Amino acid sequence: APDAVFVGGGVTAPGVLPACWDALGEGGRLVANGVTVQAEQELAR
């Protein structure tokens, strides 16, 4: 289990952001980057 997660690639891949979120415990930090319109939409959601 991680204390923090960075998603630098694959933001739009199905299930990646939910799996990373679920792996974090209380106080865990998640940062995700995107450069495409589709990735930006996922991050906005």
PDB file of all heavy atoms in Angstrom:
ATOM      1  N   ALA A   1       0.833  -1.205   0.000  1.00  0.00           N
ATOM      2  CA  ALA A   1       0.000   0.000   0.000  1.00  0.00           C
ATOM      3  C   ALA A   1       0.866   1.253   0.000  1.00  0.00           C
ATOM      4  O   ALA A   1       1.799   1.363   0.796  1.00  0.00           O
ATOM      5  CB  ALA A   1      -0.928  -0.003   1.207  1.00  0.00           C
ATOM      6  N   PRO A   2       0.564   2.215  -0.866  1.00  0.00           N
ATOM      7  CA  PRO A   2       1.389   3.429  -0.956  1.00  0.00           C
ATOM      8  C   PRO A   2       0.930   4.512   0.009  1.00  0.00           C
ATOM      9  O   PRO A   2      -0.207   4.526   0.480  1.00  0.00           O
ATOM     10  CB  PRO A   2       1.146   3.881  -2.401  1.00  0.00           C
ATOM     11  CG  PRO A   2      -0.294   3.496  -2.647  1.00  0.00           C
ATOM     12  CD  PRO A   2      -0.507   2.201  -1.885  1.00  0.00           C
ATOM     13  N   ASP A   3       1.838   5.408   0.316  1.00  0.00           N
ATOM     14  CA  ASP A   3       1.494   6.625   1.045  1.00  0.00           C
ATOM     15  C   ASP A   3       1.096   7.732   0.083  1.00  0.00           C
ATOM     16  O   ASP A   3       0.390   8.672   0.464  1.00  0.00           O
ATOM     17  CB  ASP A   3       2.683   7.083   1.889  1.00  0.00           C
ATOM     18  CG  ASP A   3       3.064   6.049   2.936  1.00  0.00           C
ATOM     19  OD1 ASP A   3       2.309   5.878   3.897  1.00  0.00           O
ATOM     20  OD2 ASP A   3       4.117   5.404   2.760  1.00  0.00           O
ATOM     21  N   ALA A   4       1.572   7.632  -1.153  1.00  0.00           N
ATOM     22  CA  ALA A   4       1.251   8.618  -2.177  1.00  0.00           C
ATOM     23  C   ALA A   4       1.346   7.943  -3.544  1.00  0.00           C
ATOM     24  O   ALA A   4       2.043   6.951  -3.708  1.00  0.00           O
ATOM     25  CB  ALA A   4       2.206   9.811  -2.101  1.00  0.00           C
ATOM     26  N   VAL A   5       0.610   8.503  -4.506  1.00  0.00           N
ATOM     27  CA  VAL A   5       0.597   7.954  -5.859  1.00  0.00           C
ATOM     28  C   VAL A   5       0.732   9.100  -6.855  1.00  0.00           C
ATOM     29  O   VAL A   5       0.070  10.139  -6.715  1.00  0.00           O
ATOM     30  CB  VAL A   5      -0.709   7.175  -6.165  1.00  0.00           C
ATOM     31  CG1 VAL A   5      -0.709   6.660  -7.605  1.00  0.00           C
ATOM     32  CG2 VAL A   5      -0.899   6.020  -5.187  1.00  0.00           C
ATOM     33  N   PHE A   6       1.580   8.903  -7.850  1.00  0.00           N
ATOM     34  CA  PHE A   6       1.659   9.826  -8.978  1.00  0.00           C
ATOM     35  C   PHE A   6       1.297   9.062 -10.242  1.00  0.00           C
ATOM     36  O   PHE A   6       1.858   7.995 -10.510  1.00  0.00           O
ATOM     37  CB  PHE A   6       3.062  10.416  -9.123  1.00  0.00           C
ATOM     38  CG  PHE A   6       3.249  11.213 -10.386  1.00  0.00           C
ATOM     39  CD1 PHE A   6       2.446  12.306 -10.658  1.00  0.00           C
ATOM     40  CD2 PHE A   6       4.219  10.855 -11.322  1.00  0.00           C
ATOM     41  CE1 PHE A   6       2.595  13.041 -11.834  1.00  0.00           C
ATOM     42  CE2 PHE A   6       4.384  11.588 -12.487  1.00  0.00           C
ATOM     43  CZ  PHE A   6       3.577  12.682 -12.744  1.00  0.00           C
ATOM     44  N   VAL A   7       0.361   9.608 -10.994  1.00  0.00           N
ATOM     45  CA  VAL A   7      -0.009   9.024 -12.283  1.00  0.00           C
ATOM     46  C   VAL A   7       0.490   9.970 -13.365  1.00  0.00           C
ATOM     47  O   VAL A   7      -0.097  11.020 -13.612  1.00  0.00           O
ATOM     48  CB  VAL A   7      -1.532   8.807 -12.400  1.00  0.00           C
ATOM     49  CG1 VAL A   7      -1.863   8.110 -13.721  1.00  0.00           C
ATOM     50  CG2 VAL A   7      -2.057   7.985 -11.224  1.00  0.00           C
ATOM     51  N   GLY A   8       1.598   9.591 -13.977  1.00  0.00           N
ATOM     52  CA  GLY A   8       2.181  10.436 -15.008  1.00  0.00           C
ATOM     53  C   GLY A   8       1.775  10.035 -16.405  1.00  0.00           C
ATOM     54  O   GLY A   8       1.837  10.822 -17.345  1.00  0.00           O
ATOM     55  N   GLY A   9       1.355   8.780 -16.556  1.00  0.00           N
ATOM     56  CA  GLY A   9       0.894   8.279 -17.844  1.00  0.00           C
ATOM     57  C   GLY A   9      -0.248   7.309 -17.629  1.00  0.00           C
ATOM     58  O   GLY A   9      -0.320   6.642 -16.602  1.00  0.00           O
ATOM     59  N   GLY A  10      -1.161   7.250 -18.592  1.00  0.00           N
ATOM     60  CA  GLY A  10      -2.260   6.300 -18.489  1.00  0.00           C
ATOM     61  C   GLY A  10      -3.459   6.815 -17.731  1.00  0.00           C
ATOM     62  O   GLY A  10      -4.292   6.019 -17.266  1.00  0.00           O
ATOM     63  N   VAL A  11      -3.600   8.144 -17.610  1.00  0.00           N
ATOM     64  CA  VAL A  11      -4.740   8.704 -16.886  1.00  0.00           C
ATOM     65  C   VAL A  11      -6.062   8.267 -17.501  1.00  0.00           C
ATOM     66  O   VAL A  11      -7.053   8.022 -16.793  1.00  0.00           O
ATOM     67  CB  VAL A  11      -4.637  10.251 -16.855  1.00  0.00           C
ATOM     68  CG1 VAL A  11      -5.954  10.889 -16.459  1.00  0.00           C
ATOM     69  CG2 VAL A  11      -3.538  10.680 -15.895  1.00  0.00           C
ATOM     70  N   THR A  12      -6.086   8.130 -18.835  1.00  0.00           N
ATOM     71  CA  THR A  12      -7.343   7.784 -19.509  1.00  0.00           C
ATOM     72  C   THR A  12      -7.597   6.286 -19.573  1.00  0.00           C
ATOM     73  O   THR A  12      -8.674   5.869 -20.001  1.00  0.00           O
ATOM     74  CB  THR A  12      -7.340   8.339 -20.947  1.00  0.00           C
ATOM     75  OG1 THR A  12      -6.217   7.792 -21.663  1.00  0.00           O
ATOM     76  CG2 THR A  12      -7.232   9.859 -20.947  1.00  0.00           C
ATOM     77  N   ALA A  13      -6.642   5.462 -19.164  1.00  0.00           N
ATOM     78  CA  ALA A  13      -6.842   4.015 -19.187  1.00  0.00           C
ATOM     79  C   ALA A  13      -7.920   3.630 -18.184  1.00  0.00           C
ATOM     80  O   ALA A  13      -7.894   4.090 -17.034  1.00  0.00           O
ATOM     81  CB  ALA A  13      -5.535   3.290 -18.868  1.00  0.00           C
ATOM     82  N   PRO A  14      -8.878   2.808 -18.576  1.00  0.00           N
ATOM     83  CA  PRO A  14      -9.972   2.458 -17.670  1.00  0.00           C
ATOM     84  C   PRO A  14      -9.477   1.844 -16.365  1.00  0.00           C
ATOM     85  O   PRO A  14      -8.645   0.942 -16.373  1.00  0.00           O
ATOM     86  CB  PRO A  14     -10.776   1.429 -18.490  1.00  0.00           C
ATOM     87  CG  PRO A  14     -10.445   1.731 -19.911  1.00  0.00           C
ATOM     88  CD  PRO A  14      -9.016   2.187 -19.910  1.00  0.00           C
ATOM     89  N   GLY A  15      -9.973   2.380 -15.273  1.00  0.00           N
ATOM     90  CA  GLY A  15      -9.689   1.800 -13.971  1.00  0.00           C
ATOM     91  C   GLY A  15      -8.427   2.274 -13.286  1.00  0.00           C
ATOM     92  O   GLY A  15      -8.200   1.930 -12.118  1.00  0.00           O
ATOM     93  N   VAL A  16      -7.584   3.054 -13.946  1.00  0.00           N
ATOM     94  CA  VAL A  16      -6.306   3.435 -13.333  1.00  0.00           C
ATOM     95  C   VAL A  16      -6.507   4.387 -12.155  1.00  0.00           C
ATOM     96  O   VAL A  16      -6.050   4.133 -11.034  1.00  0.00           O
ATOM     97  CB  VAL A  16      -5.353   4.056 -14.379  1.00  0.00           C
ATOM     98  CG1 VAL A  16      -4.154   4.700 -13.687  1.00  0.00           C
ATOM     99  CG2 VAL A  16      -4.868   2.992 -15.345  1.00  0.00           C
ATOM    100  N   LEU A  17      -7.205   5.505 -12.379  1.00  0.00           N
ATOM    101  CA  LEU A  17      -7.411   6.449 -11.282  1.00  0.00           C
ATOM    102  C   LEU A  17      -8.205   5.841 -10.127  1.00  0.00           C
ATOM    103  O   LEU A  17      -7.828   6.015  -8.962  1.00  0.00           O
ATOM    104  CB  LEU A  17      -8.084   7.723 -11.799  1.00  0.00           C
ATOM    105  CG  LEU A  17      -7.198   8.704 -12.575  1.00  0.00           C
ATOM    106  CD1 LEU A  17      -8.002   9.922 -12.999  1.00  0.00           C
ATOM    107  CD2 LEU A  17      -5.999   9.140 -11.746  1.00  0.00           C
ATOM    108  N   PRO A  18      -9.294   5.087 -10.401  1.00  0.00           N
ATOM    109  CA  PRO A  18     -10.004   4.450  -9.285  1.00  0.00           C
ATOM    110  C   PRO A  18      -9.126   3.483  -8.490  1.00  0.00           C
ATOM    111  O   PRO A  18      -9.193   3.446  -7.252  1.00  0.00           O
ATOM    112  CB  PRO A  18     -11.160   3.710  -9.972  1.00  0.00           C
ATOM    113  CG  PRO A  18     -11.401   4.480 -11.221  1.00  0.00           C
ATOM    114  CD  PRO A  18     -10.050   4.933 -11.666  1.00  0.00           C
ATOM    115  N   ALA A  19      -8.294   2.697  -9.175  1.00  0.00           N
ATOM    116  CA  ALA A  19      -7.434   1.740  -8.467  1.00  0.00           C
ATOM    117  C   ALA A  19      -6.415   2.469  -7.597  1.00  0.00           C
ATOM    118  O   ALA A  19      -6.132   2.046  -6.468  1.00  0.00           O
ATOM    119  CB  ALA A  19      -6.717   0.840  -9.471  1.00  0.00           C
ATOM    120  N   CYS A  20      -5.870   3.557  -8.094  1.00  0.00           N
ATOM    121  CA  CYS A  20      -4.898   4.322  -7.318  1.00  0.00           C
ATOM    122  C   CYS A  20      -5.563   4.969  -6.110  1.00  0.00           C
ATOM    123  O   CYS A  20      -5.009   4.985  -4.996  1.00  0.00           O
ATOM    124  CB  CYS A  20      -4.236   5.379  -8.193  1.00  0.00           C
ATOM    125  SG  CYS A  20      -3.167   4.696  -9.488  1.00  0.00           S
ATOM    126  N   TRP A  21      -6.755   5.514  -6.302  1.00  0.00           N
ATOM    127  CA  TRP A  21      -7.489   6.126  -5.193  1.00  0.00           C
ATOM    128  C   TRP A  21      -7.800   5.101  -4.111  1.00  0.00           C
ATOM    129  O   TRP A  21      -7.600   5.344  -2.922  1.00  0.00           O
ATOM    130  CB  TRP A  21      -8.778   6.760  -5.727  1.00  0.00           C
ATOM    131  CG  TRP A  21      -9.660   7.302  -4.642  1.00  0.00           C
ATOM    132  CD1 TRP A  21     -10.732   6.683  -4.063  1.00  0.00           C
ATOM    133  CD2 TRP A  21      -9.528   8.558  -3.977  1.00  0.00           C
ATOM    134  NE1 TRP A  21     -11.286   7.475  -3.090  1.00  0.00           N
ATOM    135  CE2 TRP A  21     -10.567   8.633  -3.016  1.00  0.00           C
ATOM    136  CE3 TRP A  21      -8.635   9.625  -4.102  1.00  0.00           C
ATOM    137  CZ2 TRP A  21     -10.733   9.743  -2.192  1.00  0.00           C
ATOM    138  CZ3 TRP A  21      -8.805  10.728  -3.275  1.00  0.00           C
ATOM    139  CH2 TRP A  21      -9.839  10.778  -2.334  1.00  0.00           C
ATOM    140  N   ASP A  22      -8.293   3.930  -4.514  1.00  0.00           N
ATOM    141  CA  ASP A  22      -8.677   2.896  -3.550  1.00  0.00           C
ATOM    142  C   ASP A  22      -7.479   2.384  -2.753  1.00  0.00           C
ATOM    143  O   ASP A  22      -7.632   1.944  -1.604  1.00  0.00           O
ATOM    144  CB  ASP A  22      -9.348   1.718  -4.265  1.00  0.00           C
ATOM    145  CG  ASP A  22     -10.722   2.089  -4.822  1.00  0.00           C
ATOM    146  OD1 ASP A  22     -11.270   3.128  -4.410  1.00  0.00           O
ATOM    147  OD2 ASP A  22     -11.234   1.332  -5.680  1.00  0.00           O
ATOM    148  N   ALA A  23      -6.284   2.421  -3.350  1.00  0.00           N
ATOM    149  CA  ALA A  23      -5.086   1.901  -2.675  1.00  0.00           C
ATOM    150  C   ALA A  23      -4.605   2.804  -1.558  1.00  0.00           C
ATOM    151  O   ALA A  23      -3.898   2.355  -0.653  1.00  0.00           O
ATOM    152  CB  ALA A  23      -3.961   1.706  -3.692  1.00  0.00           C
ATOM    153  N   LEU A  24      -5.016   4.068  -1.588  1.00  0.00           N
ATOM    154  CA  LEU A  24      -4.530   5.026  -0.596  1.00  0.00           C
ATOM    155  C   LEU A  24      -5.296   4.919   0.712  1.00  0.00           C
ATOM    156  O   LEU A  24      -6.511   4.701   0.732  1.00  0.00           O
ATOM    157  CB  LEU A  24      -4.659   6.458  -1.131  1.00  0.00           C
ATOM    158  CG  LEU A  24      -3.684   6.880  -2.233  1.00  0.00           C
ATOM    159  CD1 LEU A  24      -4.106   8.222  -2.806  1.00  0.00           C
ATOM    160  CD2 LEU A  24      -2.261   6.949  -1.694  1.00  0.00           C
ATOM    161  N   GLY A  25      -4.577   5.104   1.823  1.00  0.00           N
ATOM    162  CA  GLY A  25      -5.207   5.198   3.121  1.00  0.00           C
ATOM    163  C   GLY A  25      -5.464   6.642   3.488  1.00  0.00           C
ATOM    164  O   GLY A  25      -5.204   7.571   2.703  1.00  0.00           O
ATOM    165  N   GLU A  26      -5.969   6.848   4.695  1.00  0.00           N
ATOM    166  CA  GLU A  26      -6.233   8.186   5.178  1.00  0.00           C
ATOM    167  C   GLU A  26      -4.960   9.022   5.161  1.00  0.00           C
ATOM    168  O   GLU A  26      -3.910   8.579   5.603  1.00  0.00           O
ATOM    169  CB  GLU A  26      -6.781   8.116   6.602  1.00  0.00           C
ATOM    170  CG  GLU A  26      -7.063   9.458   7.226  1.00  0.00           C
ATOM    171  CD  GLU A  26      -7.498   9.325   8.671  1.00  0.00           C
ATOM    172  OE1 GLU A  26      -7.914   8.213   9.064  1.00  0.00           O
ATOM    173  OE2 GLU A  26      -7.407  10.327   9.415  1.00  0.00           O
ATOM    174  N   GLY A  27      -5.052  10.216   4.603  1.00  0.00           N
ATOM    175  CA  GLY A  27      -3.898  11.100   4.504  1.00  0.00           C
ATOM    176  C   GLY A  27      -3.040  10.854   3.277  1.00  0.00           C
ATOM    177  O   GLY A  27      -2.059  11.569   3.047  1.00  0.00           O
ATOM    178  N   GLY A  28      -3.409   9.847   2.478  1.00  0.00           N
ATOM    179  CA  GLY A  28      -2.655   9.567   1.257  1.00  0.00           C
ATOM    180  C   GLY A  28      -2.831  10.663   0.230  1.00  0.00           C
ATOM    181  O   GLY A  28      -3.882  11.309   0.147  1.00  0.00           O
ATOM    182  N   ARG A  29      -1.790  10.890  -0.551  1.00  0.00           N
ATOM    183  CA  ARG A  29      -1.826  11.945  -1.559  1.00  0.00           C
ATOM    184  C   ARG A  29      -1.801  11.341  -2.955  1.00  0.00           C
ATOM    185  O   ARG A  29      -1.079  10.377  -3.204  1.00  0.00           O
ATOM    186  CB  ARG A  29      -0.616  12.884  -1.426  1.00  0.00           C
ATOM    187  CG  ARG A  29      -0.652  13.771  -0.202  1.00  0.00           C
ATOM    188  CD  ARG A  29      -0.088  13.103   1.032  1.00  0.00           C
ATOM    189  NE  ARG A  29       1.353  12.860   0.921  1.00  0.00           N
ATOM    190  CZ  ARG A  29       1.997  11.984   1.668  1.00  0.00           C
ATOM    191  NH1 ARG A  29       1.366  11.231   2.552  1.00  0.00           N
ATOM    192  NH2 ARG A  29       3.301  11.837   1.533  1.00  0.00           N
ATOM    193  N   LEU A  30      -2.595  11.919  -3.848  1.00  0.00           N
ATOM    194  CA  LEU A  30      -2.620  11.478  -5.245  1.00  0.00           C
ATOM    195  C   LEU A  30      -2.439  12.698  -6.139  1.00  0.00           C
ATOM    196  O   LEU A  30      -3.114  13.714  -5.959  1.00  0.00           O
ATOM    197  CB  LEU A  30      -3.930  10.769  -5.574  1.00  0.00           C
ATOM    198  CG  LEU A  30      -4.004   9.990  -6.895  1.00  0.00           C
ATOM    199  CD1 LEU A  30      -5.081   8.902  -6.818  1.00  0.00           C
ATOM    200  CD2 LEU A  30      -4.291  10.880  -8.089  1.00  0.00           C
ATOM    201  N   VAL A  31      -1.501  12.583  -7.077  1.00  0.00           N
ATOM    202  CA  VAL A  31      -1.273  13.633  -8.068  1.00  0.00           C
ATOM    203  C   VAL A  31      -1.284  12.974  -9.436  1.00  0.00           C
ATOM    204  O   VAL A  31      -0.655  11.933  -9.634  1.00  0.00           O
ATOM    205  CB  VAL A  31       0.070  14.362  -7.847  1.00  0.00           C
ATOM    206  CG1 VAL A  31       0.292  15.420  -8.926  1.00  0.00           C
ATOM    207  CG2 VAL A  31       0.122  14.997  -6.458  1.00  0.00           C
ATOM    208  N   ALA A  32      -2.026  13.561 -10.362  1.00  0.00           N
ATOM    209  CA  ALA A  32      -2.104  13.012 -11.724  1.00  0.00           C
ATOM    210  C   ALA A  32      -1.964  14.141 -12.726  1.00  0.00           C
ATOM    211  O   ALA A  32      -2.545  15.224 -12.550  1.00  0.00           O
ATOM    212  CB  ALA A  32      -3.423  12.271 -11.928  1.00  0.00           C
ATOM    213  N   ASN A  33      -1.201  13.887 -13.783  1.00  0.00           N
ATOM    214  CA  ASN A  33      -0.973  14.871 -14.844  1.00  0.00           C
ATOM    215  C   ASN A  33      -1.602  14.414 -16.152  1.00  0.00           C
ATOM    216  O   ASN A  33      -1.654  13.206 -16.435  1.00  0.00           O
ATOM    217  CB  ASN A  33       0.529  15.079 -15.079  1.00  0.00           C
ATOM    218  CG  ASN A  33       1.182  15.897 -13.990  1.00  0.00           C
ATOM    219  OD1 ASN A  33       0.528  16.371 -13.065  1.00  0.00           O
ATOM    220  ND2 ASN A  33       2.490  16.069 -14.100  1.00  0.00           N
ATOM    221  N   GLY A  34      -2.018  15.367 -16.961  1.00  0.00           N
ATOM    222  CA  GLY A  34      -2.514  15.071 -18.306  1.00  0.00           C
ATOM    223  C   GLY A  34      -2.208  16.206 -19.248  1.00  0.00           C
ATOM    224  O   GLY A  34      -2.191  17.374 -18.834  1.00  0.00           O
ATOM    225  N   VAL A  35      -1.982  15.871 -20.526  1.00  0.00           N
ATOM    226  CA  VAL A  35      -1.687  16.912 -21.522  1.00  0.00           C
ATOM    227  C   VAL A  35      -2.673  16.882 -22.686  1.00  0.00           C
ATOM    228  O   VAL A  35      -2.618  17.754 -23.552  1.00  0.00           O
ATOM    229  CB  VAL A  35      -0.235  16.780 -22.065  1.00  0.00           C
ATOM    230  CG1 VAL A  35       0.769  17.030 -20.964  1.00  0.00           C
ATOM    231  CG2 VAL A  35      -0.007  15.430 -22.717  1.00  0.00           C
ATOM    232  N   THR A  36      -3.571  15.906 -22.719  1.00  0.00           N
ATOM    233  CA  THR A  36      -4.556  15.820 -23.796  1.00  0.00           C
ATOM    234  C   THR A  36      -5.924  16.265 -23.290  1.00  0.00           C
ATOM    235  O   THR A  36      -6.175  16.315 -22.075  1.00  0.00           O
ATOM    236  CB  THR A  36      -4.666  14.381 -24.336  1.00  0.00           C
ATOM    237  OG1 THR A  36      -5.211  13.527 -23.301  1.00  0.00           O
ATOM    238  CG2 THR A  36      -3.295  13.849 -24.746  1.00  0.00           C
ATOM    239  N   VAL A  37      -6.820  16.569 -24.217  1.00  0.00           N
ATOM    240  CA  VAL A  37      -8.179  16.956 -23.851  1.00  0.00           C
ATOM    241  C   VAL A  37      -8.867  15.817 -23.101  1.00  0.00           C
ATOM    242  O   VAL A  37      -9.564  16.028 -22.101  1.00  0.00           O
ATOM    243  CB  VAL A  37      -8.979  17.333 -25.110  1.00  0.00           C
ATOM    244  CG1 VAL A  37     -10.449  17.533 -24.776  1.00  0.00           C
ATOM    245  CG2 VAL A  37      -8.404  18.590 -25.748  1.00  0.00           C
ATOM    246  N   GLN A  38      -8.643  14.583 -23.587  1.00  0.00           N
ATOM    247  CA  GLN A  38      -9.281  13.429 -22.955  1.00  0.00           C
ATOM    248  C   GLN A  38      -8.777  13.233 -21.508  1.00  0.00           C
ATOM    249  O   GLN A  38      -9.551  12.949 -20.601  1.00  0.00           O
ATOM    250  CB  GLN A  38      -9.020  12.163 -23.773  1.00  0.00           C
ATOM    251  CG  GLN A  38      -9.708  12.143 -25.123  1.00  0.00           C
ATOM    252  CD  GLN A  38      -9.022  13.006 -26.176  1.00  0.00           C
ATOM    253  OE1 GLN A  38      -7.892  13.472 -25.962  1.00  0.00           O
ATOM    254  NE2 GLN A  38      -9.697  13.225 -27.295  1.00  0.00           N
ATOM    255  N   ALA A  39      -7.467  13.404 -21.319  1.00  0.00           N
ATOM    256  CA  ALA A  39      -6.916  13.274 -19.973  1.00  0.00           C
ATOM    257  C   ALA A  39      -7.451  14.377 -19.066  1.00  0.00           C
ATOM    258  O   ALA A  39      -7.778  14.143 -17.889  1.00  0.00           O
ATOM    259  CB  ALA A  39      -5.395  13.318 -20.024  1.00  0.00           C
ATOM    260  N   GLU A  40      -7.569  15.581 -19.603  1.00  0.00           N
ATOM    261  CA  GLU A  40      -8.098  16.693 -18.821  1.00  0.00           C
ATOM    262  C   GLU A  40      -9.531  16.429 -18.383  1.00  0.00           C
ATOM    263  O   GLU A  40      -9.929  16.742 -17.252  1.00  0.00           O
ATOM    264  CB  GLU A  40      -8.024  17.982 -19.637  1.00  0.00           C
ATOM    265  CG  GLU A  40      -8.358  19.234 -18.843  1.00  0.00           C
ATOM    266  CD  GLU A  40      -8.104  20.500 -19.640  1.00  0.00           C
ATOM    267  OE1 GLU A  40      -9.006  20.868 -20.426  1.00  0.00           O
ATOM    268  OE2 GLU A  40      -7.025  21.097 -19.486  1.00  0.00           O
ATOM    269  N   GLN A  41     -10.326  15.799 -19.262  1.00  0.00           N
ATOM    270  CA  GLN A  41     -11.701  15.459 -18.911  1.00  0.00           C
ATOM    271  C   GLN A  41     -11.747  14.457 -17.756  1.00  0.00           C
ATOM    272  O   GLN A  41     -12.563  14.576 -16.838  1.00  0.00           O
ATOM    273  CB  GLN A  41     -12.427  14.908 -20.139  1.00  0.00           C
ATOM    274  CG  GLN A  41     -12.680  15.944 -21.214  1.00  0.00           C
ATOM    275  CD  GLN A  41     -13.184  15.344 -22.525  1.00  0.00           C
ATOM    276  OE1 GLN A  41     -13.058  14.134 -22.748  1.00  0.00           O
ATOM    277  NE2 GLN A  41     -13.762  16.178 -23.370  1.00  0.00           N
ATOM    278  N   GLU A  42     -10.850  13.461 -17.798  1.00  0.00           N
ATOM    279  CA  GLU A  42     -10.793  12.473 -16.711  1.00  0.00           C
ATOM    280  C   GLU A  42     -10.418  13.141 -15.393  1.00  0.00           C
ATOM    281  O   GLU A  42     -10.979  12.841 -14.337  1.00  0.00           O
ATOM    282  CB  GLU A  42      -9.770  11.376 -17.044  1.00  0.00           C
ATOM    283  CG  GLU A  42     -10.199  10.412 -18.126  1.00  0.00           C
ATOM    284  CD  GLU A  42     -11.391   9.569 -17.706  1.00  0.00           C
ATOM    285  OE1 GLU A  42     -11.517   9.268 -16.495  1.00  0.00           O
ATOM    286  OE2 GLU A  42     -12.205   9.226 -18.579  1.00  0.00           O
ATOM    287  N   LEU A  43      -9.452  14.035 -15.454  1.00  0.00           N
ATOM    288  CA  LEU A  43      -9.021  14.713 -14.236  1.00  0.00           C
ATOM    289  C   LEU A  43     -10.113  15.636 -13.700  1.00  0.00           C
ATOM    290  O   LEU A  43     -10.290  15.757 -12.476  1.00  0.00           O
ATOM    291  CB  LEU A  43      -7.742  15.497 -14.500  1.00  0.00           C
ATOM    292  CG  LEU A  43      -6.513  14.657 -14.905  1.00  0.00           C
ATOM    293  CD1 LEU A  43      -5.319  15.561 -15.175  1.00  0.00           C
ATOM    294  CD2 LEU A  43      -6.180  13.646 -13.830  1.00  0.00           C
ATOM    295  N   ALA A  44     -10.863  16.274 -14.595  1.00  0.00           N
ATOM    296  CA  ALA A  44     -11.962  17.131 -14.165  1.00  0.00           C
ATOM    297  C   ALA A  44     -13.054  16.301 -13.480  1.00  0.00           C
ATOM    298  O   ALA A  44     -13.641  16.729 -12.477  1.00  0.00           O
ATOM    299  CB  ALA A  44     -12.537  17.888 -15.358  1.00  0.00           C
ATOM    300  N   ARG A  45     -13.337  15.105 -14.020  1.00  0.00           N
ATOM    301  CA  ARG A  45     -14.329  14.237 -13.387  1.00  0.00           C
ATOM    302  C   ARG A  45     -13.864  13.803 -11.993  1.00  0.00           C
ATOM    303  O   ARG A  45     -14.646  13.761 -11.037  1.00  0.00           O
ATOM    304  CB  ARG A  45     -14.596  13.012 -14.271  1.00  0.00           C
ATOM    305  CG  ARG A  45     -15.583  13.267 -15.392  1.00  0.00           C
ATOM    306  CD  ARG A  45     -16.040  11.962 -16.008  1.00  0.00           C
ATOM    307  NE  ARG A  45     -15.014  11.376 -16.855  1.00  0.00           N
ATOM    308  CZ  ARG A  45     -14.890  11.607 -18.156  1.00  0.00           C
ATOM    309  NH1 ARG A  45     -15.744  12.425 -18.767  1.00  0.00           N
ATOM    310  NH2 ARG A  45     -13.945  11.033 -18.869  1.00  0.00           N
TER     311      ARG A  45
END
